[in-house]
């Protein structure tokens, strides 16, 4: 059986979002394959300062909706209904967005 690809956006949407988020360097595509041969594509932006601050604030308040804030703050395009009704897709999407927060490396240097 051939994979069904769900990618509800194109280069125009990518260019439009790039203009709003500081360039294409802040955009990524997350592809999630399901066990029923479907492939969901999501256009996401790397978490910015405001998303990270919202996460920190939510953790202080013991807010259980922190995952929803991550998704709302980072997922720009894709089949939202799929991740709302399929926990496996939602979980993978959260995991991959979380990895984006760790994609930069810092170094501490003694002076």
PDB file of N, CA and C in Angstrom:
ATOM      1  N   UNK A   1       0.845  -1.183   0.000  1.00  0.00           N
ATOM      2  CA  UNK A   1       0.000   0.000   0.000  1.00  0.00           C
ATOM      3  C   UNK A   1       0.890   1.246   0.000  1.00  0.00           C
ATOM      4  N   UNK A   2       0.508   2.215  -0.768  1.00  0.00           N
ATOM      5  CA  UNK A   2       1.276   3.449  -0.885  1.00  0.00           C
ATOM      6  C   UNK A   2       0.947   4.392   0.265  1.00  0.00           C
ATOM      7  N   UNK A   3       1.978   5.085   0.725  1.00  0.00           N
ATOM      8  CA  UNK A   3       1.781   6.050   1.815  1.00  0.00           C
ATOM      9  C   UNK A   3       0.909   7.200   1.365  1.00  0.00           C
ATOM     10  N   UNK A   4       0.021   7.611   2.253  1.00  0.00           N
ATOM     11  CA  UNK A   4      -0.791   8.798   2.006  1.00  0.00           C
ATOM     12  C   UNK A   4      -0.116   9.965   2.713  1.00  0.00           C
ATOM     13  N   UNK A   5       0.267  10.982   1.939  1.00  0.00           N
ATOM     14  CA  UNK A   5       0.971  12.137   2.479  1.00  0.00           C
ATOM     15  C   UNK A   5      -0.018  13.270   2.721  1.00  0.00           C
ATOM     16  N   UNK A   6      -0.041  13.766   3.953  1.00  0.00           N
ATOM     17  CA  UNK A   6      -0.902  14.881   4.327  1.00  0.00           C
ATOM     18  C   UNK A   6       0.003  16.091   4.567  1.00  0.00           C
ATOM     19  N   UNK A   7       0.043  16.980   3.593  1.00  0.00           N
ATOM     20  CA  UNK A   7       0.873  18.189   3.692  1.00  0.00           C
ATOM     21  C   UNK A   7       0.035  19.357   3.176  1.00  0.00           C
ATOM     22  N   UNK A   8      -0.769  19.980   4.067  1.00  0.00           N
ATOM     23  CA  UNK A   8      -1.712  21.020   3.633  1.00  0.00           C
ATOM     24  C   UNK A   8      -1.097  22.415   3.501  1.00  0.00           C
ATOM     25  N   UNK A   9       0.143  22.491   3.103  1.00  0.00           N
ATOM     26  CA  UNK A   9       0.791  23.790   2.906  1.00  0.00           C
ATOM     27  C   UNK A   9       1.855  23.641   1.823  1.00  0.00           C
ATOM     28  N   UNK A  10       2.237  24.764   1.259  1.00  0.00           N
ATOM     29  CA  UNK A  10       3.244  24.765   0.206  1.00  0.00           C
ATOM     30  C   UNK A  10       4.274  25.856   0.444  1.00  0.00           C
ATOM     31  N   UNK A  11       5.040  26.146  -0.591  1.00  0.00           N
ATOM     32  CA  UNK A  11       6.118  27.123  -0.471  1.00  0.00           C
ATOM     33  C   UNK A  11       5.599  28.518  -0.141  1.00  0.00           C
ATOM     34  N   UNK A  12       4.409  28.866  -0.632  1.00  0.00           N
ATOM     35  CA  UNK A  12       3.843  30.188  -0.336  1.00  0.00           C
ATOM     36  C   UNK A  12       3.633  30.363   1.162  1.00  0.00           C
ATOM     37  N   UNK A  13       3.039  29.353   1.809  1.00  0.00           N
ATOM     38  CA  UNK A  13       2.815  29.419   3.259  1.00  0.00           C
ATOM     39  C   UNK A  13       4.144  29.442   4.018  1.00  0.00           C
ATOM     40  N   UNK A  14       5.105  28.669   3.540  1.00  0.00           N
ATOM     41  CA  UNK A  14       6.423  28.651   4.186  1.00  0.00           C
ATOM     42  C   UNK A  14       7.049  30.037   4.120  1.00  0.00           C
ATOM     43  N   UNK A  15       7.002  30.658   2.931  1.00  0.00           N
ATOM     44  CA  UNK A  15       7.569  32.002   2.763  1.00  0.00           C
ATOM     45  C   UNK A  15       6.854  33.024   3.643  1.00  0.00           C
ATOM     46  N   UNK A  16       5.522  32.925   3.714  1.00  0.00           N
ATOM     47  CA  UNK A  16       4.746  33.854   4.550  1.00  0.00           C
ATOM     48  C   UNK A  16       5.127  33.728   6.024  1.00  0.00           C
ATOM     49  N   UNK A  17       5.238  32.502   6.509  1.00  0.00           N
ATOM     50  CA  UNK A  17       5.609  32.291   7.914  1.00  0.00           C
ATOM     51  C   UNK A  17       7.058  32.710   8.167  1.00  0.00           C
ATOM     52  N   UNK A  18       7.937  32.453   7.213  1.00  0.00           N
ATOM     53  CA  UNK A  18       9.347  32.834   7.369  1.00  0.00           C
ATOM     54  C   UNK A  18       9.469  34.339   7.577  1.00  0.00           C
ATOM     55  N   UNK A  19       8.647  35.097   6.870  1.00  0.00           N
ATOM     56  CA  UNK A  19       8.682  36.558   7.001  1.00  0.00           C
ATOM     57  C   UNK A  19       8.241  37.011   8.392  1.00  0.00           C
ATOM     58  N   UNK A  20       7.430  36.197   9.062  1.00  0.00           N
ATOM     59  CA  UNK A  20       6.894  36.573  10.376  1.00  0.00           C
ATOM     60  C   UNK A  20       7.757  36.100  11.546  1.00  0.00           C
ATOM     61  N   UNK A  21       8.627  35.120  11.313  1.00  0.00           N
ATOM     62  CA  UNK A  21       9.366  34.514  12.431  1.00  0.00           C
ATOM     63  C   UNK A  21      10.878  34.710  12.338  1.00  0.00           C
ATOM     64  N   UNK A  22      11.300  35.724  11.619  1.00  0.00           N
ATOM     65  CA  UNK A  22      12.737  36.004  11.555  1.00  0.00           C
ATOM     66  C   UNK A  22      13.490  35.198  10.519  1.00  0.00           C
ATOM     67  N   UNK A  23      12.793  34.700   9.526  1.00  0.00           N
ATOM     68  CA  UNK A  23      13.452  33.983   8.440  1.00  0.00           C
ATOM     69  C   UNK A  23      13.254  32.482   8.489  1.00  0.00           C
ATOM     70  N   UNK A  24      13.594  31.851   7.383  1.00  0.00           N
ATOM     71  CA  UNK A  24      13.422  30.403   7.250  1.00  0.00           C
ATOM     72  C   UNK A  24      14.309  29.626   8.222  1.00  0.00           C
ATOM     73  N   UNK A  25      15.365  30.254   8.730  1.00  0.00           N
ATOM     74  CA  UNK A  25      16.248  29.560   9.680  1.00  0.00           C
ATOM     75  C   UNK A  25      15.507  29.167  10.955  1.00  0.00           C
ATOM     76  N   UNK A  26      14.370  29.798  11.223  1.00  0.00           N
ATOM     77  CA  UNK A  26      13.592  29.488  12.423  1.00  0.00           C
ATOM     78  C   UNK A  26      12.445  28.517  12.160  1.00  0.00           C
ATOM     79  N   UNK A  27      12.351  28.015  10.935  1.00  0.00           N
ATOM     80  CA  UNK A  27      11.285  27.076  10.581  1.00  0.00           C
ATOM     81  C   UNK A  27      11.845  25.669  10.403  1.00  0.00           C
ATOM     82  N   UNK A  28      11.034  24.687  10.733  1.00  0.00           N
ATOM     83  CA  UNK A  28      11.383  23.287  10.523  1.00  0.00           C
ATOM     84  C   UNK A  28      10.129  22.553  10.067  1.00  0.00           C
ATOM     85  N   UNK A  29      10.352  21.425   9.403  1.00  0.00           N
ATOM     86  CA  UNK A  29       9.242  20.558   9.033  1.00  0.00           C
ATOM     87  C   UNK A  29       9.386  19.269   9.831  1.00  0.00           C
ATOM     88  N   UNK A  30       8.327  18.901  10.500  1.00  0.00           N
ATOM     89  CA  UNK A  30       8.297  17.646  11.251  1.00  0.00           C
ATOM     90  C   UNK A  30       7.384  16.698  10.486  1.00  0.00           C
ATOM     91  N   UNK A  31       7.901  15.513  10.200  1.00  0.00           N
ATOM     92  CA  UNK A  31       7.141  14.501   9.463  1.00  0.00           C
ATOM     93  C   UNK A  31       6.886  13.336  10.410  1.00  0.00           C
ATOM     94  N   UNK A  32       5.620  12.983  10.544  1.00  0.00           N
ATOM     95  CA  UNK A  32       5.230  11.893  11.446  1.00  0.00           C
ATOM     96  C   UNK A  32       4.555  10.808  10.619  1.00  0.00           C
ATOM     97  N   UNK A  33       5.104   9.602  10.700  1.00  0.00           N
ATOM     98  CA  UNK A  33       4.538   8.456   9.993  1.00  0.00           C
ATOM     99  C   UNK A  33       3.735   7.622  10.981  1.00  0.00           C
ATOM    100  N   UNK A  34       2.543   7.230  10.566  1.00  0.00           N
ATOM    101  CA  UNK A  34       1.685   6.429  11.436  1.00  0.00           C
ATOM    102  C   UNK A  34       1.715   4.967  11.006  1.00  0.00           C
ATOM    103  N   UNK A  35       1.184   4.103  11.849  1.00  0.00           N
ATOM    104  CA  UNK A  35       1.187   2.673  11.555  1.00  0.00           C
ATOM    105  C   UNK A  35       0.180   2.274  10.481  1.00  0.00           C
ATOM    106  N   UNK A  36      -0.633   3.218  10.023  1.00  0.00           N
ATOM    107  CA  UNK A  36      -1.578   2.924   8.943  1.00  0.00           C
ATOM    108  C   UNK A  36      -1.145   3.584   7.631  1.00  0.00           C
ATOM    109  N   UNK A  37       0.174   3.716   7.447  1.00  0.00           N
ATOM    110  CA  UNK A  37       0.776   4.234   6.214  1.00  0.00           C
ATOM    111  C   UNK A  37       0.343   5.644   5.850  1.00  0.00           C
ATOM    112  N   UNK A  38       0.212   6.485   6.845  1.00  0.00           N
ATOM    113  CA  UNK A  38      -0.053   7.900   6.590  1.00  0.00           C
ATOM    114  C   UNK A  38       1.163   8.689   7.051  1.00  0.00           C
ATOM    115  N   UNK A  39       1.420   9.784   6.350  1.00  0.00           N
ATOM    116  CA  UNK A  39       2.566  10.634   6.661  1.00  0.00           C
ATOM    117  C   UNK A  39       2.054  12.060   6.818  1.00  0.00           C
ATOM    118  N   UNK A  40       2.158  12.578   8.037  1.00  0.00           N
ATOM    119  CA  UNK A  40       1.673  13.922   8.339  1.00  0.00           C
ATOM    120  C   UNK A  40       2.850  14.884   8.404  1.00  0.00           C
ATOM    121  N   UNK A  41       2.744  15.986   7.663  1.00  0.00           N
ATOM    122  CA  UNK A  41       3.788  17.009   7.650  1.00  0.00           C
ATOM    123  C   UNK A  41       3.291  18.217   8.443  1.00  0.00           C
ATOM    124  N   UNK A  42       4.162  18.721   9.316  1.00  0.00           N
ATOM    125  CA  UNK A  42       3.833  19.899  10.121  1.00  0.00           C
ATOM    126  C   UNK A  42       4.937  20.930   9.952  1.00  0.00           C
ATOM    127  N   UNK A  43       4.542  22.165   9.697  1.00  0.00           N
ATOM    128  CA  UNK A  43       5.475  23.281   9.648  1.00  0.00           C
ATOM    129  C   UNK A  43       5.489  23.899  11.035  1.00  0.00           C
ATOM    130  N   UNK A  44       6.663  23.940  11.639  1.00  0.00           N
ATOM    131  CA  UNK A  44       6.777  24.480  12.992  1.00  0.00           C
ATOM    132  C   UNK A  44       7.866  25.542  13.034  1.00  0.00           C
ATOM    133  N   UNK A  45       7.722  26.428  13.999  1.00  0.00           N
ATOM    134  CA  UNK A  45       8.798  27.390  14.240  1.00  0.00           C
ATOM    135  C   UNK A  45       9.536  26.948  15.491  1.00  0.00           C
ATOM    136  N   UNK A  46      10.820  27.242  15.509  1.00  0.00           N
ATOM    137  CA  UNK A  46      11.595  26.935  16.701  1.00  0.00           C
ATOM    138  C   UNK A  46      11.014  27.745  17.851  1.00  0.00           C
ATOM    139  N   UNK A  47      10.932  27.159  19.031  1.00  0.00           N
ATOM    140  CA  UNK A  47      10.377  27.900  20.168  1.00  0.00           C
ATOM    141  C   UNK A  47      11.185  29.169  20.442  1.00  0.00           C
ATOM    142  N   UNK A  48      10.484  30.273  20.518  1.00  0.00           N
ATOM    143  CA  UNK A  48      11.121  31.551  20.810  1.00  0.00           C
ATOM    144  C   UNK A  48      11.074  31.853  22.295  1.00  0.00           C
ATOM    145  N   UNK A  49      11.583  32.994  22.639  1.00  0.00           N
ATOM    146  CA  UNK A  49      11.631  33.415  24.037  1.00  0.00           C
ATOM    147  C   UNK A  49      10.241  33.418  24.663  1.00  0.00           C
ATOM    148  N   UNK A  50       9.238  33.891  23.927  1.00  0.00           N
ATOM    149  CA  UNK A  50       7.886  33.976  24.499  1.00  0.00           C
ATOM    150  C   UNK A  50       7.314  32.594  24.813  1.00  0.00           C
ATOM    151  N   UNK A  51       7.576  31.609  23.959  1.00  0.00           N
ATOM    152  CA  UNK A  51       7.085  30.250  24.220  1.00  0.00           C
ATOM    153  C   UNK A  51       7.808  29.660  25.431  1.00  0.00           C
ATOM    154  N   UNK A  52       9.108  29.850  25.492  1.00  0.00           N
ATOM    155  CA  UNK A  52       9.875  29.317  26.618  1.00  0.00           C
ATOM    156  C   UNK A  52       9.448  29.986  27.923  1.00  0.00           C
ATOM    157  N   UNK A  53       9.167  31.284  27.869  1.00  0.00           N
ATOM    158  CA  UNK A  53       8.690  31.992  29.063  1.00  0.00           C
ATOM    159  C   UNK A  53       7.321  31.466  29.497  1.00  0.00           C
ATOM    160  N   UNK A  54       6.446  31.199  28.523  1.00  0.00           N
ATOM    161  CA  UNK A  54       5.121  30.650  28.842  1.00  0.00           C
ATOM    162  C   UNK A  54       5.250  29.276  29.495  1.00  0.00           C
ATOM    163  N   UNK A  55       6.206  28.480  29.027  1.00  0.00           N
ATOM    164  CA  UNK A  55       6.442  27.164  29.623  1.00  0.00           C
ATOM    165  C   UNK A  55       6.915  27.321  31.066  1.00  0.00           C
ATOM    166  N   UNK A  56       7.871  28.217  31.275  1.00  0.00           N
ATOM    167  CA  UNK A  56       8.395  28.447  32.631  1.00  0.00           C
ATOM    168  C   UNK A  56       7.292  28.934  33.567  1.00  0.00           C
ATOM    169  N   UNK A  57       6.470  29.866  33.091  1.00  0.00           N
ATOM    170  CA  UNK A  57       5.366  30.376  33.909  1.00  0.00           C
ATOM    171  C   UNK A  57       4.368  29.270  34.237  1.00  0.00           C
ATOM    172  N   UNK A  58       4.071  28.428  33.256  1.00  0.00           N
ATOM    173  CA  UNK A  58       3.117  27.341  33.463  1.00  0.00           C
ATOM    174  C   UNK A  58       3.649  26.339  34.480  1.00  0.00           C
ATOM    175  N   UNK A  59       4.948  26.064  34.422  1.00  0.00           N
ATOM    176  CA  UNK A  59       5.531  25.122  35.379  1.00  0.00           C
ATOM    177  C   UNK A  59       5.488  25.671  36.800  1.00  0.00           C
ATOM    178  N   UNK A  60       5.692  26.974  36.945  1.00  0.00           N
ATOM    179  CA  UNK A  60       5.621  27.592  38.275  1.00  0.00           C
ATOM    180  C   UNK A  60       4.222  27.468  38.861  1.00  0.00           C
ATOM    181  N   UNK A  61       3.216  27.613  38.000  1.00  0.00           N
ATOM    182  CA  UNK A  61       1.821  27.585  38.448  1.00  0.00           C
ATOM    183  C   UNK A  61       1.248  26.171  38.455  1.00  0.00           C
ATOM    184  N   UNK A  62       2.078  25.187  38.131  1.00  0.00           N
ATOM    185  CA  UNK A  62       1.616  23.794  38.023  1.00  0.00           C
ATOM    186  C   UNK A  62       0.489  23.669  36.993  1.00  0.00           C
ATOM    187  N   UNK A  63       0.602  24.434  35.918  1.00  0.00           N
ATOM    188  CA  UNK A  63      -0.393  24.445  34.843  1.00  0.00           C
ATOM    189  C   UNK A  63      -0.196  23.213  33.961  1.00  0.00           C
ATOM    190  N   UNK A  64      -1.212  22.368  33.890  1.00  0.00           N
ATOM    191  CA  UNK A  64      -1.089  21.145  33.105  1.00  0.00           C
ATOM    192  C   UNK A  64      -1.254  21.384  31.606  1.00  0.00           C
ATOM    193  N   UNK A  65      -1.562  22.584  31.201  1.00  0.00           N
ATOM    194  CA  UNK A  65      -1.759  22.888  29.788  1.00  0.00           C
ATOM    195  C   UNK A  65      -0.480  23.344  29.098  1.00  0.00           C
ATOM    196  N   UNK A  66       0.671  23.066  29.687  1.00  0.00           N
ATOM    197  CA  UNK A  66       1.931  23.527  29.109  1.00  0.00           C
ATOM    198  C   UNK A  66       2.160  22.912  27.724  1.00  0.00           C
ATOM    199  N   UNK A  67       1.782  21.647  27.532  1.00  0.00           N
ATOM    200  CA  UNK A  67       1.950  21.017  26.221  1.00  0.00           C
ATOM    201  C   UNK A  67       1.126  21.733  25.165  1.00  0.00           C
ATOM    202  N   UNK A  68      -0.078  22.114  25.526  1.00  0.00           N
ATOM    203  CA  UNK A  68      -0.940  22.827  24.590  1.00  0.00           C
ATOM    204  C   UNK A  68      -0.309  24.169  24.213  1.00  0.00           C
ATOM    205  N   UNK A  69       0.327  24.825  25.166  1.00  0.00           N
ATOM    206  CA  UNK A  69       0.980  26.105  24.877  1.00  0.00           C
ATOM    207  C   UNK A  69       2.140  25.923  23.912  1.00  0.00           C
ATOM    208  N   UNK A  70       2.864  24.820  24.060  1.00  0.00           N
ATOM    209  CA  UNK A  70       3.967  24.532  23.141  1.00  0.00           C
ATOM    210  C   UNK A  70       3.419  24.323  21.733  1.00  0.00           C
ATOM    211  N   UNK A  71       2.384  23.509  21.614  1.00  0.00           N
ATOM    212  CA  UNK A  71       1.802  23.230  20.297  1.00  0.00           C
ATOM    213  C   UNK A  71       1.257  24.510  19.676  1.00  0.00           C
ATOM    214  N   UNK A  72       0.477  25.268  20.434  1.00  0.00           N
ATOM    215  CA  UNK A  72      -0.106  26.503  19.896  1.00  0.00           C
ATOM    216  C   UNK A  72       0.960  27.528  19.532  1.00  0.00           C
ATOM    217  N   UNK A  73       2.048  27.555  20.291  1.00  0.00           N
ATOM    218  CA  UNK A  73       3.090  28.536  20.046  1.00  0.00           C
ATOM    219  C   UNK A  73       4.045  28.173  18.927  1.00  0.00           C
ATOM    220  N   UNK A  74       4.080  26.900  18.544  1.00  0.00           N
ATOM    221  CA  UNK A  74       5.097  26.468  17.580  1.00  0.00           C
ATOM    222  C   UNK A  74       4.558  25.861  16.287  1.00  0.00           C
ATOM    223  N   UNK A  75       3.430  25.172  16.324  1.00  0.00           N
ATOM    224  CA  UNK A  75       2.916  24.521  15.116  1.00  0.00           C
ATOM    225  C   UNK A  75       2.165  25.548  14.281  1.00  0.00           C
ATOM    226  N   UNK A  76       2.679  25.796  13.082  1.00  0.00           N
ATOM    227  CA  UNK A  76       2.109  26.827  12.215  1.00  0.00           C
ATOM    228  C   UNK A  76       1.159  26.258  11.168  1.00  0.00           C
ATOM    229  N   UNK A  77       1.508  25.120  10.604  1.00  0.00           N
ATOM    230  CA  UNK A  77       0.707  24.499   9.545  1.00  0.00           C
ATOM    231  C   UNK A  77       0.715  22.990   9.744  1.00  0.00           C
ATOM    232  N   UNK A  78      -0.332  22.345   9.281  1.00  0.00           N
ATOM    233  CA  UNK A  78      -0.429  20.895   9.347  1.00  0.00           C
ATOM    234  C   UNK A  78      -1.833  20.493   9.746  1.00  0.00           C
ATOM    235  N   UNK A  79      -2.079  19.200   9.751  1.00  0.00           N
ATOM    236  CA  UNK A  79      -3.404  18.666  10.058  1.00  0.00           C
ATOM    237  C   UNK A  79      -3.625  18.681  11.568  1.00  0.00           C
ATOM    238  N   UNK A  80      -4.234  19.751  12.049  1.00  0.00           N
ATOM    239  CA  UNK A  80      -4.458  19.910  13.489  1.00  0.00           C
ATOM    240  C   UNK A  80      -5.441  18.869  14.025  1.00  0.00           C
ATOM    241  N   UNK A  81      -6.409  18.506  13.213  1.00  0.00           N
ATOM    242  CA  UNK A  81      -7.388  17.504  13.644  1.00  0.00           C
ATOM    243  C   UNK A  81      -6.705  16.158  13.907  1.00  0.00           C
ATOM    244  N   UNK A  82      -5.699  15.843  13.117  1.00  0.00           N
ATOM    245  CA  UNK A  82      -4.996  14.563  13.296  1.00  0.00           C
ATOM    246  C   UNK A  82      -4.349  14.483  14.669  1.00  0.00           C
ATOM    247  N   UNK A  83      -3.651  15.544  15.088  1.00  0.00           N
ATOM    248  CA  UNK A  83      -2.997  15.446  16.400  1.00  0.00           C
ATOM    249  C   UNK A  83      -3.974  15.636  17.554  1.00  0.00           C
ATOM    250  N   UNK A  84      -5.118  16.261  17.303  1.00  0.00           N
ATOM    251  CA  UNK A  84      -6.130  16.392  18.362  1.00  0.00           C
ATOM    252  C   UNK A  84      -6.764  15.043  18.692  1.00  0.00           C
ATOM    253  N   UNK A  85      -6.894  14.172  17.681  1.00  0.00           N
ATOM    254  CA  UNK A  85      -7.591  12.901  17.878  1.00  0.00           C
ATOM    255  C   UNK A  85      -6.668  11.687  17.927  1.00  0.00           C
ATOM    256  N   UNK A  86      -5.382  11.862  17.624  1.00  0.00           N
ATOM    257  CA  UNK A  86      -4.444  10.741  17.645  1.00  0.00           C
ATOM    258  C   UNK A  86      -3.311  11.073  18.609  1.00  0.00           C
ATOM    259  N   UNK A  87      -3.352  10.450  19.767  1.00  0.00           N
ATOM    260  CA  UNK A  87      -2.355  10.722  20.796  1.00  0.00           C
ATOM    261  C   UNK A  87      -0.936  10.401  20.369  1.00  0.00           C
ATOM    262  N   UNK A  88      -0.763   9.421  19.489  1.00  0.00           N
ATOM    263  CA  UNK A  88       0.577   9.067  19.020  1.00  0.00           C
ATOM    264  C   UNK A  88       1.172  10.209  18.197  1.00  0.00           C
ATOM    265  N   UNK A  89       0.366  10.822  17.350  1.00  0.00           N
ATOM    266  CA  UNK A  89       0.833  11.963  16.553  1.00  0.00           C
ATOM    267  C   UNK A  89       1.140  13.130  17.481  1.00  0.00           C
ATOM    268  N   UNK A  90       0.246  13.408  18.414  1.00  0.00           N
ATOM    269  CA  UNK A  90       0.425  14.510  19.368  1.00  0.00           C
ATOM    270  C   UNK A  90       1.719  14.323  20.158  1.00  0.00           C
ATOM    271  N   UNK A  91       1.939  13.115  20.640  1.00  0.00           N
ATOM    272  CA  UNK A  91       3.123  12.814  21.435  1.00  0.00           C
ATOM    273  C   UNK A  91       4.401  13.003  20.623  1.00  0.00           C
ATOM    274  N   UNK A  92       4.414  12.521  19.396  1.00  0.00           N
ATOM    275  CA  UNK A  92       5.589  12.678  18.540  1.00  0.00           C
ATOM    276  C   UNK A  92       5.847  14.142  18.207  1.00  0.00           C
ATOM    277  N   UNK A  93       4.784  14.878  17.952  1.00  0.00           N
ATOM    278  CA  UNK A  93       4.915  16.302  17.635  1.00  0.00           C
ATOM    279  C   UNK A  93       5.512  17.054  18.826  1.00  0.00           C
ATOM    280  N   UNK A  94       5.007  16.792  20.018  1.00  0.00           N
ATOM    281  CA  UNK A  94       5.553  17.415  21.232  1.00  0.00           C
ATOM    282  C   UNK A  94       7.022  17.059  21.433  1.00  0.00           C
ATOM    283  N   UNK A  95       7.342  15.809  21.218  1.00  0.00           N
ATOM    284  CA  UNK A  95       8.713  15.344  21.394  1.00  0.00           C
ATOM    285  C   UNK A  95       9.667  16.051  20.437  1.00  0.00           C
ATOM    286  N   UNK A  96       9.276  16.145  19.182  1.00  0.00           N
ATOM    287  CA  UNK A  96      10.142  16.770  18.176  1.00  0.00           C
ATOM    288  C   UNK A  96      10.276  18.273  18.412  1.00  0.00           C
ATOM    289  N   UNK A  97       9.206  18.939  18.799  1.00  0.00           N
ATOM    290  CA  UNK A  97       9.296  20.370  19.112  1.00  0.00           C
ATOM    291  C   UNK A  97      10.201  20.562  20.328  1.00  0.00           C
ATOM    292  N   UNK A  98      10.094  19.670  21.304  1.00  0.00           N
ATOM    293  CA  UNK A  98      10.969  19.730  22.473  1.00  0.00           C
ATOM    294  C   UNK A  98      12.435  19.609  22.090  1.00  0.00           C
ATOM    295  N   UNK A  99      12.724  18.774  21.109  1.00  0.00           N
ATOM    296  CA  UNK A  99      14.103  18.630  20.643  1.00  0.00           C
ATOM    297  C   UNK A  99      14.621  19.926  20.031  1.00  0.00           C
ATOM    298  N   UNK A 100      13.731  20.710  19.434  1.00  0.00           N
ATOM    299  CA  UNK A 100      14.152  21.984  18.845  1.00  0.00           C
ATOM    300  C   UNK A 100      14.661  22.947  19.911  1.00  0.00           C
ATOM    301  N   UNK A 101      14.154  22.818  21.135  1.00  0.00           N
ATOM    302  CA  UNK A 101      14.610  23.692  22.217  1.00  0.00           C
ATOM    303  C   UNK A 101      16.026  23.340  22.647  1.00  0.00           C
ATOM    304  N   UNK A 102      16.485  22.164  22.251  1.00  0.00           N
ATOM    305  CA  UNK A 102      17.819  21.724  22.632  1.00  0.00           C
ATOM    306  C   UNK A 102      18.763  21.675  21.439  1.00  0.00           C
ATOM    307  N   UNK A 103      18.382  22.289  20.321  1.00  0.00           N
ATOM    308  CA  UNK A 103      19.173  22.174  19.099  1.00  0.00           C
ATOM    309  C   UNK A 103      20.398  23.078  19.071  1.00  0.00           C
ATOM    310  N   UNK A 104      20.425  24.098  19.892  1.00  0.00           N
ATOM    311  CA  UNK A 104      21.601  24.970  19.963  1.00  0.00           C
ATOM    312  C   UNK A 104      22.512  24.476  21.082  1.00  0.00           C
ATOM    313  N   UNK A 105      23.783  24.708  20.907  1.00  0.00           N
ATOM    314  CA  UNK A 105      24.741  24.283  21.932  1.00  0.00           C
ATOM    315  C   UNK A 105      25.464  25.501  22.465  1.00  0.00           C
ATOM    316  N   UNK A 106      25.606  25.549  23.756  1.00  0.00           N
ATOM    317  CA  UNK A 106      26.319  26.651  24.398  1.00  0.00           C
ATOM    318  C   UNK A 106      27.590  26.142  25.059  1.00  0.00           C
ATOM    319  N   UNK A 107      28.505  27.040  25.264  1.00  0.00           N
ATOM    320  CA  UNK A 107      29.766  26.705  25.913  1.00  0.00           C
ATOM    321  C   UNK A 107      30.023  27.708  27.027  1.00  0.00           C
ATOM    322  N   UNK A 108      30.463  27.209  28.155  1.00  0.00           N
ATOM    323  CA  UNK A 108      30.863  28.087  29.254  1.00  0.00           C
ATOM    324  C   UNK A 108      32.383  28.117  29.260  1.00  0.00           C
ATOM    325  N   UNK A 109      32.901  29.308  29.291  1.00  0.00           N
ATOM    326  CA  UNK A 109      34.350  29.474  29.218  1.00  0.00           C
ATOM    327  C   UNK A 109      34.816  30.302  30.408  1.00  0.00           C
ATOM    328  N   UNK A 110      35.780  29.796  31.123  1.00  0.00           N
ATOM    329  CA  UNK A 110      36.334  30.530  32.256  1.00  0.00           C
ATOM    330  C   UNK A 110      37.238  31.635  31.725  1.00  0.00           C
ATOM    331  N   UNK A 111      37.100  32.827  32.272  1.00  0.00           N
ATOM    332  CA  UNK A 111      37.909  33.962  31.823  1.00  0.00           C
ATOM    333  C   UNK A 111      39.112  34.184  32.704  1.00  0.00           C
TER     334      UNK A 111
END
